[in-house]
Amino acid sequence: MPYSGDAGVAVVVPIKSFRLAKGRLAQVLNDAEREELARLTAQRVVEAAAGCALFVVCDDDDVAEWAAGVGARVVRPAASGLNAAALAGRRAAADAGATRVIVVHSDLPIAEALLPLATHHADVVVVPDRHLDGTNALVVPATGDFDFCYGPGSASQHQAQAAQRGLTCALVTRPDLALDLDTHDDLVAFRALGQR
């Protein structure tokens, strides 16, 4: 399949099983509610990827079927974990002809257009979570050495990785991308915005 995105920009969305997602919210949401939340936030992120080639990285058949249904190219990672998923998605996007890759979490309930992130002049763009700790979106060149560093403190680690590789880097805060839904506090912050 030839690359069909705009301006060589691809969005990579790693997604775990919808049924097993949001385990840290089990105290406040039941299984069906957590699955519905995972699907709704993933759909929001997909809509925010308009204008870009879309790659969903997953090892779950249900997610793969959903991804194909929304027009994404499905990528099966060779190893488990977010770093491996991001790497697999980046490689697939590069193979498809992308020059810029936006790796974004699937649990951003108020995400807006992602394409503008790729117009930034810096080689690497780090978009942190609302605590300025994690990385909710990350723009990287499609090719070249770069190690993904997801986990606690990843925002600073991704900036350090860019510096180590001789890449220019910008930290960009966007309210619509700062809120991810991992914990009860995140859910409270989301509901405070008047969201169901």
C-alpha atoms as a PDB file:
ATOM      1  CA  MET A   1       0.000   0.000   0.000  1.00  0.00           C
ATOM      2  CA  PRO A   2       1.547   3.350  -0.986  1.00  0.00           C
ATOM      3  CA  TYR A   3       1.903   6.086   1.545  1.00  0.00           C
ATOM      4  CA  SER A   4      -1.115   8.400   1.402  1.00  0.00           C
ATOM      5  CA  GLY A   5      -0.636  10.861   4.255  1.00  0.00           C
ATOM      6  CA  ASP A   6      -0.226  14.603   4.003  1.00  0.00           C
ATOM      7  CA  ALA A   7       3.300  16.058   3.788  1.00  0.00           C
ATOM      8  CA  GLY A   8       4.926  12.780   4.781  1.00  0.00           C
ATOM      9  CA  VAL A   9       3.462  12.772   8.279  1.00  0.00           C
ATOM     10  CA  ALA A  10       2.365   9.548   9.965  1.00  0.00           C
ATOM     11  CA  VAL A  11       0.618   9.099  13.290  1.00  0.00           C
ATOM     12  CA  VAL A  12       1.485   5.958  15.248  1.00  0.00           C
ATOM     13  CA  VAL A  13      -0.960   4.886  17.967  1.00  0.00           C
ATOM     14  CA  PRO A  14       0.017   1.921  20.149  1.00  0.00           C
ATOM     15  CA  ILE A  15      -3.119   0.298  21.603  1.00  0.00           C
ATOM     16  CA  LYS A  16      -3.385  -2.568  24.064  1.00  0.00           C
ATOM     17  CA  SER A  17      -6.479  -4.733  24.321  1.00  0.00           C
ATOM     18  CA  PHE A  18      -9.614  -2.644  24.826  1.00  0.00           C
ATOM     19  CA  ARG A  19     -10.917  -5.298  27.222  1.00  0.00           C
ATOM     20  CA  LEU A  20      -7.825  -5.154  29.408  1.00  0.00           C
ATOM     21  CA  ALA A  21      -7.235  -1.402  29.244  1.00  0.00           C
ATOM     22  CA  LYS A  22      -7.329   1.087  32.103  1.00  0.00           C
ATOM     23  CA  GLY A  23      -6.663  -1.426  34.862  1.00  0.00           C
ATOM     24  CA  ARG A  24      -5.745   1.358  37.284  1.00  0.00           C
ATOM     25  CA  LEU A  25      -9.330   2.623  37.020  1.00  0.00           C
ATOM     26  CA  ALA A  26     -10.820  -0.680  38.180  1.00  0.00           C
ATOM     27  CA  GLN A  27     -11.731   0.837  41.567  1.00  0.00           C
ATOM     28  CA  VAL A  28     -14.045   3.390  39.956  1.00  0.00           C
ATOM     29  CA  LEU A  29     -15.108   1.863  36.607  1.00  0.00           C
ATOM     30  CA  ASN A  30     -16.341  -1.645  35.862  1.00  0.00           C
ATOM     31  CA  ASP A  31     -14.981  -3.802  33.028  1.00  0.00           C
ATOM     32  CA  ALA A  32     -17.536  -2.632  30.466  1.00  0.00           C
ATOM     33  CA  GLU A  33     -17.025   1.028  31.360  1.00  0.00           C
ATOM     34  CA  ARG A  34     -13.253   0.744  31.063  1.00  0.00           C
ATOM     35  CA  GLU A  35     -13.542  -0.956  27.690  1.00  0.00           C
ATOM     36  CA  GLU A  36     -15.957   1.712  26.460  1.00  0.00           C
ATOM     37  CA  LEU A  37     -13.632   4.451  27.707  1.00  0.00           C
ATOM     38  CA  ALA A  38     -10.657   2.889  25.916  1.00  0.00           C
ATOM     39  CA  ARG A  39     -12.606   2.716  22.661  1.00  0.00           C
ATOM     40  CA  LEU A  40     -13.930   6.266  22.929  1.00  0.00           C
ATOM     41  CA  THR A  41     -10.541   7.826  23.660  1.00  0.00           C
ATOM     42  CA  ALA A  42      -8.890   5.821  20.868  1.00  0.00           C
ATOM     43  CA  GLN A  43     -11.571   7.043  18.470  1.00  0.00           C
ATOM     44  CA  ARG A  44     -10.912  10.628  19.548  1.00  0.00           C
ATOM     45  CA  VAL A  45      -7.187  10.225  18.860  1.00  0.00           C
ATOM     46  CA  VAL A  46      -7.889   8.684  15.455  1.00  0.00           C
ATOM     47  CA  GLU A  47     -10.071  11.656  14.559  1.00  0.00           C
ATOM     48  CA  ALA A  48      -7.293  13.998  15.706  1.00  0.00           C
ATOM     49  CA  ALA A  49      -4.957  12.245  13.260  1.00  0.00           C
ATOM     50  CA  ALA A  50      -6.903  13.533  10.251  1.00  0.00           C
ATOM     51  CA  GLY A  51      -4.602  14.469   7.383  1.00  0.00           C
ATOM     52  CA  CYS A  52      -1.915  11.992   8.411  1.00  0.00           C
ATOM     53  CA  ALA A  53      -1.254   8.381   7.524  1.00  0.00           C
ATOM     54  CA  LEU A  54      -2.461   6.311  10.461  1.00  0.00           C
ATOM     55  CA  PHE A  55      -0.717   3.280  11.961  1.00  0.00           C
ATOM     56  CA  VAL A  56      -2.159   1.365  14.909  1.00  0.00           C
ATOM     57  CA  VAL A  57       0.303  -0.919  16.671  1.00  0.00           C
ATOM     58  CA  CYS A  58      -1.366  -3.788  18.523  1.00  0.00           C
ATOM     59  CA  ASP A  59      -1.178  -7.482  19.295  1.00  0.00           C
ATOM     60  CA  ASP A  60      -4.904  -7.869  19.920  1.00  0.00           C
ATOM     61  CA  ASP A  61      -7.272  -9.144  17.217  1.00  0.00           C
ATOM     62  CA  ASP A  62     -10.201  -7.020  18.416  1.00  0.00           C
ATOM     63  CA  VAL A  63      -8.090  -3.860  18.280  1.00  0.00           C
ATOM     64  CA  ALA A  64      -6.724  -4.859  14.871  1.00  0.00           C
ATOM     65  CA  GLU A  65     -10.245  -5.281  13.498  1.00  0.00           C
ATOM     66  CA  TRP A  66     -11.273  -1.898  14.920  1.00  0.00           C
ATOM     67  CA  ALA A  67      -8.141  -0.248  13.512  1.00  0.00           C
ATOM     68  CA  ALA A  68      -8.749  -1.623  10.039  1.00  0.00           C
ATOM     69  CA  GLY A  69     -12.309  -0.353  10.276  1.00  0.00           C
ATOM     70  CA  VAL A  70     -11.146   3.223  10.889  1.00  0.00           C
ATOM     71  CA  GLY A  71      -8.713   3.096   7.990  1.00  0.00           C
ATOM     72  CA  ALA A  72      -5.494   2.520   9.899  1.00  0.00           C
ATOM     73  CA  ARG A  73      -2.663   0.292   8.823  1.00  0.00           C
ATOM     74  CA  VAL A  74      -2.278  -2.418  11.473  1.00  0.00           C
ATOM     75  CA  VAL A  75       1.246  -3.106  12.732  1.00  0.00           C
ATOM     76  CA  ARG A  76       2.019  -6.157  14.856  1.00  0.00           C
ATOM     77  CA  PRO A  77       4.985  -5.472  17.175  1.00  0.00           C
ATOM     78  CA  ALA A  78       7.757  -8.036  17.471  1.00  0.00           C
ATOM     79  CA  ALA A  79       8.028  -7.525  21.228  1.00  0.00           C
ATOM     80  CA  SER A  80       5.798  -6.365  24.070  1.00  0.00           C
ATOM     81  CA  GLY A  81       5.846  -2.943  25.689  1.00  0.00           C
ATOM     82  CA  LEU A  82       5.276   0.636  24.622  1.00  0.00           C
ATOM     83  CA  ASN A  83       8.850   1.269  23.480  1.00  0.00           C
ATOM     84  CA  ALA A  84       8.774  -1.749  21.177  1.00  0.00           C
ATOM     85  CA  ALA A  85       5.364  -0.715  19.834  1.00  0.00           C
ATOM     86  CA  ALA A  86       6.555   2.820  19.095  1.00  0.00           C
ATOM     87  CA  LEU A  87       9.621   1.468  17.312  1.00  0.00           C
ATOM     88  CA  ALA A  88       7.558  -0.955  15.212  1.00  0.00           C
ATOM     89  CA  GLY A  89       5.164   1.810  14.243  1.00  0.00           C
ATOM     90  CA  ARG A  90       7.974   4.187  13.339  1.00  0.00           C
ATOM     91  CA  ARG A  91       9.628   1.586  11.129  1.00  0.00           C
ATOM     92  CA  ALA A  92       6.359   0.779   9.379  1.00  0.00           C
ATOM     93  CA  ALA A  93       5.694   4.471   8.773  1.00  0.00           C
ATOM     94  CA  ALA A  94       9.193   4.974   7.368  1.00  0.00           C
ATOM     95  CA  ASP A  95       8.766   1.948   5.094  1.00  0.00           C
ATOM     96  CA  ALA A  96       5.528   3.517   3.826  1.00  0.00           C
ATOM     97  CA  GLY A  97       7.309   6.753   2.913  1.00  0.00           C
ATOM     98  CA  ALA A  98       6.727   8.972   5.928  1.00  0.00           C
ATOM     99  CA  THR A  99       9.371  11.531   6.860  1.00  0.00           C
ATOM    100  CA  ARG A 100       7.900  12.607  10.220  1.00  0.00           C
ATOM    101  CA  VAL A 101       6.238  10.368  12.781  1.00  0.00           C
ATOM    102  CA  ILE A 102       3.954  11.401  15.627  1.00  0.00           C
ATOM    103  CA  VAL A 103       3.701   8.713  18.302  1.00  0.00           C
ATOM    104  CA  VAL A 104       0.655   9.406  20.442  1.00  0.00           C
ATOM    105  CA  HIS A 105      -1.125   7.647  23.297  1.00  0.00           C
ATOM    106  CA  SER A 106      -4.615   6.318  22.670  1.00  0.00           C
ATOM    107  CA  ASP A 107      -6.107   7.586  25.950  1.00  0.00           C
ATOM    108  CA  LEU A 108      -6.315  11.331  25.258  1.00  0.00           C
ATOM    109  CA  PRO A 109     -10.015  12.179  25.581  1.00  0.00           C
ATOM    110  CA  ILE A 110      -9.853  15.784  24.345  1.00  0.00           C
ATOM    111  CA  ALA A 111      -7.147  15.473  21.684  1.00  0.00           C
ATOM    112  CA  GLU A 112      -7.301  17.954  18.816  1.00  0.00           C
ATOM    113  CA  ALA A 113      -5.504  18.045  15.474  1.00  0.00           C
ATOM    114  CA  LEU A 114      -2.113  16.337  15.594  1.00  0.00           C
ATOM    115  CA  LEU A 115      -0.783  17.377  12.190  1.00  0.00           C
ATOM    116  CA  PRO A 116       0.330  20.873  13.352  1.00  0.00           C
ATOM    117  CA  LEU A 117       2.845  19.217  15.697  1.00  0.00           C
ATOM    118  CA  ALA A 118       4.795  18.014  12.677  1.00  0.00           C
ATOM    119  CA  THR A 119       5.214  21.552  11.332  1.00  0.00           C
ATOM    120  CA  HIS A 120       7.434  22.529  14.254  1.00  0.00           C
ATOM    121  CA  HIS A 121      10.976  23.447  13.237  1.00  0.00           C
ATOM    122  CA  ALA A 122      12.633  21.161  15.818  1.00  0.00           C
ATOM    123  CA  ASP A 123      13.672  17.637  14.829  1.00  0.00           C
ATOM    124  CA  VAL A 124      12.009  16.204  17.931  1.00  0.00           C
ATOM    125  CA  VAL A 125       8.902  17.580  19.638  1.00  0.00           C
ATOM    126  CA  VAL A 126       8.014  16.328  23.112  1.00  0.00           C
ATOM    127  CA  VAL A 127       4.450  16.922  24.303  1.00  0.00           C
ATOM    128  CA  PRO A 128       4.288  16.095  28.019  1.00  0.00           C
ATOM    129  CA  ASP A 129       1.378  15.063  30.188  1.00  0.00           C
ATOM    130  CA  ARG A 130      -0.215  17.503  32.614  1.00  0.00           C
ATOM    131  CA  HIS A 131       2.396  16.644  35.240  1.00  0.00           C
ATOM    132  CA  LEU A 132       5.253  17.419  32.809  1.00  0.00           C
ATOM    133  CA  ASP A 133       6.538  13.905  33.455  1.00  0.00           C
ATOM    134  CA  GLY A 134       5.279  11.471  30.832  1.00  0.00           C
ATOM    135  CA  THR A 135       5.219  11.889  27.064  1.00  0.00           C
ATOM    136  CA  ASN A 136       1.721  11.917  25.582  1.00  0.00           C
ATOM    137  CA  ALA A 137       2.824  12.772  22.050  1.00  0.00           C
ATOM    138  CA  LEU A 138       6.249  12.646  20.466  1.00  0.00           C
ATOM    139  CA  VAL A 139       7.337  13.824  17.026  1.00  0.00           C
ATOM    140  CA  VAL A 140      10.495  12.232  15.619  1.00  0.00           C
ATOM    141  CA  PRO A 141      12.095  11.865  12.204  1.00  0.00           C
ATOM    142  CA  ALA A 142      10.925   8.675  10.521  1.00  0.00           C
ATOM    143  CA  THR A 143      14.488   7.443  10.128  1.00  0.00           C
ATOM    144  CA  GLY A 144      17.740   7.710  12.046  1.00  0.00           C
ATOM    145  CA  ASP A 145      18.799   6.609  15.497  1.00  0.00           C
ATOM    146  CA  PHE A 146      16.361   7.345  18.317  1.00  0.00           C
ATOM    147  CA  ASP A 147      15.555   5.246  21.366  1.00  0.00           C
ATOM    148  CA  PHE A 148      12.058   5.526  22.807  1.00  0.00           C
ATOM    149  CA  CYS A 149      12.105   5.965  26.588  1.00  0.00           C
ATOM    150  CA  TYR A 150       8.504   5.580  27.740  1.00  0.00           C
ATOM    151  CA  GLY A 151       7.843   5.236  31.449  1.00  0.00           C
ATOM    152  CA  PRO A 152       8.243   7.568  34.442  1.00  0.00           C
ATOM    153  CA  GLY A 153      10.170  10.704  33.525  1.00  0.00           C
ATOM    154  CA  SER A 154       9.955  10.010  29.803  1.00  0.00           C
ATOM    155  CA  ALA A 155       9.506  13.671  28.837  1.00  0.00           C
ATOM    156  CA  SER A 156      12.958  14.562  30.132  1.00  0.00           C
ATOM    157  CA  GLN A 157      14.419  11.290  28.881  1.00  0.00           C
ATOM    158  CA  HIS A 158      13.173  11.904  25.351  1.00  0.00           C
ATOM    159  CA  GLN A 159      14.696  15.379  25.433  1.00  0.00           C
ATOM    160  CA  ALA A 160      17.986  13.884  26.600  1.00  0.00           C
ATOM    161  CA  GLN A 161      17.789  11.243  23.877  1.00  0.00           C
ATOM    162  CA  ALA A 162      17.389  13.963  21.239  1.00  0.00           C
ATOM    163  CA  ALA A 163      20.416  15.829  22.592  1.00  0.00           C
ATOM    164  CA  GLN A 164      22.452  12.629  22.646  1.00  0.00           C
ATOM    165  CA  ARG A 165      21.587  12.029  18.987  1.00  0.00           C
ATOM    166  CA  GLY A 166      22.417  15.603  17.967  1.00  0.00           C
ATOM    167  CA  LEU A 167      18.790  16.433  17.196  1.00  0.00           C
ATOM    168  CA  THR A 168      17.121  19.742  17.963  1.00  0.00           C
ATOM    169  CA  CYS A 169      14.265  19.366  20.433  1.00  0.00           C
ATOM    170  CA  ALA A 170      11.297  21.403  21.597  1.00  0.00           C
ATOM    171  CA  LEU A 171       9.024  20.874  24.592  1.00  0.00           C
ATOM    172  CA  VAL A 172       5.494  21.825  23.543  1.00  0.00           C
ATOM    173  CA  THR A 173       2.631  21.917  26.038  1.00  0.00           C
ATOM    174  CA  ARG A 174      -0.884  21.534  24.671  1.00  0.00           C
ATOM    175  CA  PRO A 175      -3.853  21.340  27.043  1.00  0.00           C
ATOM    176  CA  ASP A 176      -5.737  18.995  24.717  1.00  0.00           C
ATOM    177  CA  LEU A 177      -2.842  16.525  24.758  1.00  0.00           C
ATOM    178  CA  ALA A 178      -1.822  16.968  28.392  1.00  0.00           C
ATOM    179  CA  LEU A 179      -4.696  14.982  29.879  1.00  0.00           C
ATOM    180  CA  ASP A 180      -4.466  11.215  29.600  1.00  0.00           C
ATOM    181  CA  LEU A 181      -6.719   8.874  31.531  1.00  0.00           C
ATOM    182  CA  ASP A 182      -4.550   6.598  33.626  1.00  0.00           C
ATOM    183  CA  THR A 183      -5.634   7.225  37.205  1.00  0.00           C
ATOM    184  CA  HIS A 184      -8.676   8.266  39.231  1.00  0.00           C
ATOM    185  CA  ASP A 185      -7.200  11.775  39.514  1.00  0.00           C
ATOM    186  CA  ASP A 186      -7.060  11.960  35.719  1.00  0.00           C
ATOM    187  CA  LEU A 187     -10.698  10.909  35.524  1.00  0.00           C
ATOM    188  CA  VAL A 188     -11.640  13.582  38.066  1.00  0.00           C
ATOM    189  CA  ALA A 189      -9.780  16.205  36.012  1.00  0.00           C
ATOM    190  CA  PHE A 190     -11.597  15.034  32.889  1.00  0.00           C
ATOM    191  CA  ARG A 191     -14.999  15.229  34.554  1.00  0.00           C
ATOM    192  CA  ALA A 192     -14.139  18.696  35.867  1.00  0.00           C
ATOM    193  CA  LEU A 193     -14.107  19.803  32.240  1.00  0.00           C
ATOM    194  CA  GLY A 194     -17.786  18.935  32.122  1.00  0.00           C
ATOM    195  CA  GLN A 195     -17.210  15.614  30.376  1.00  0.00           C
ATOM    196  CA  ARG A 196     -19.166  12.445  31.043  1.00  0.00           C
END
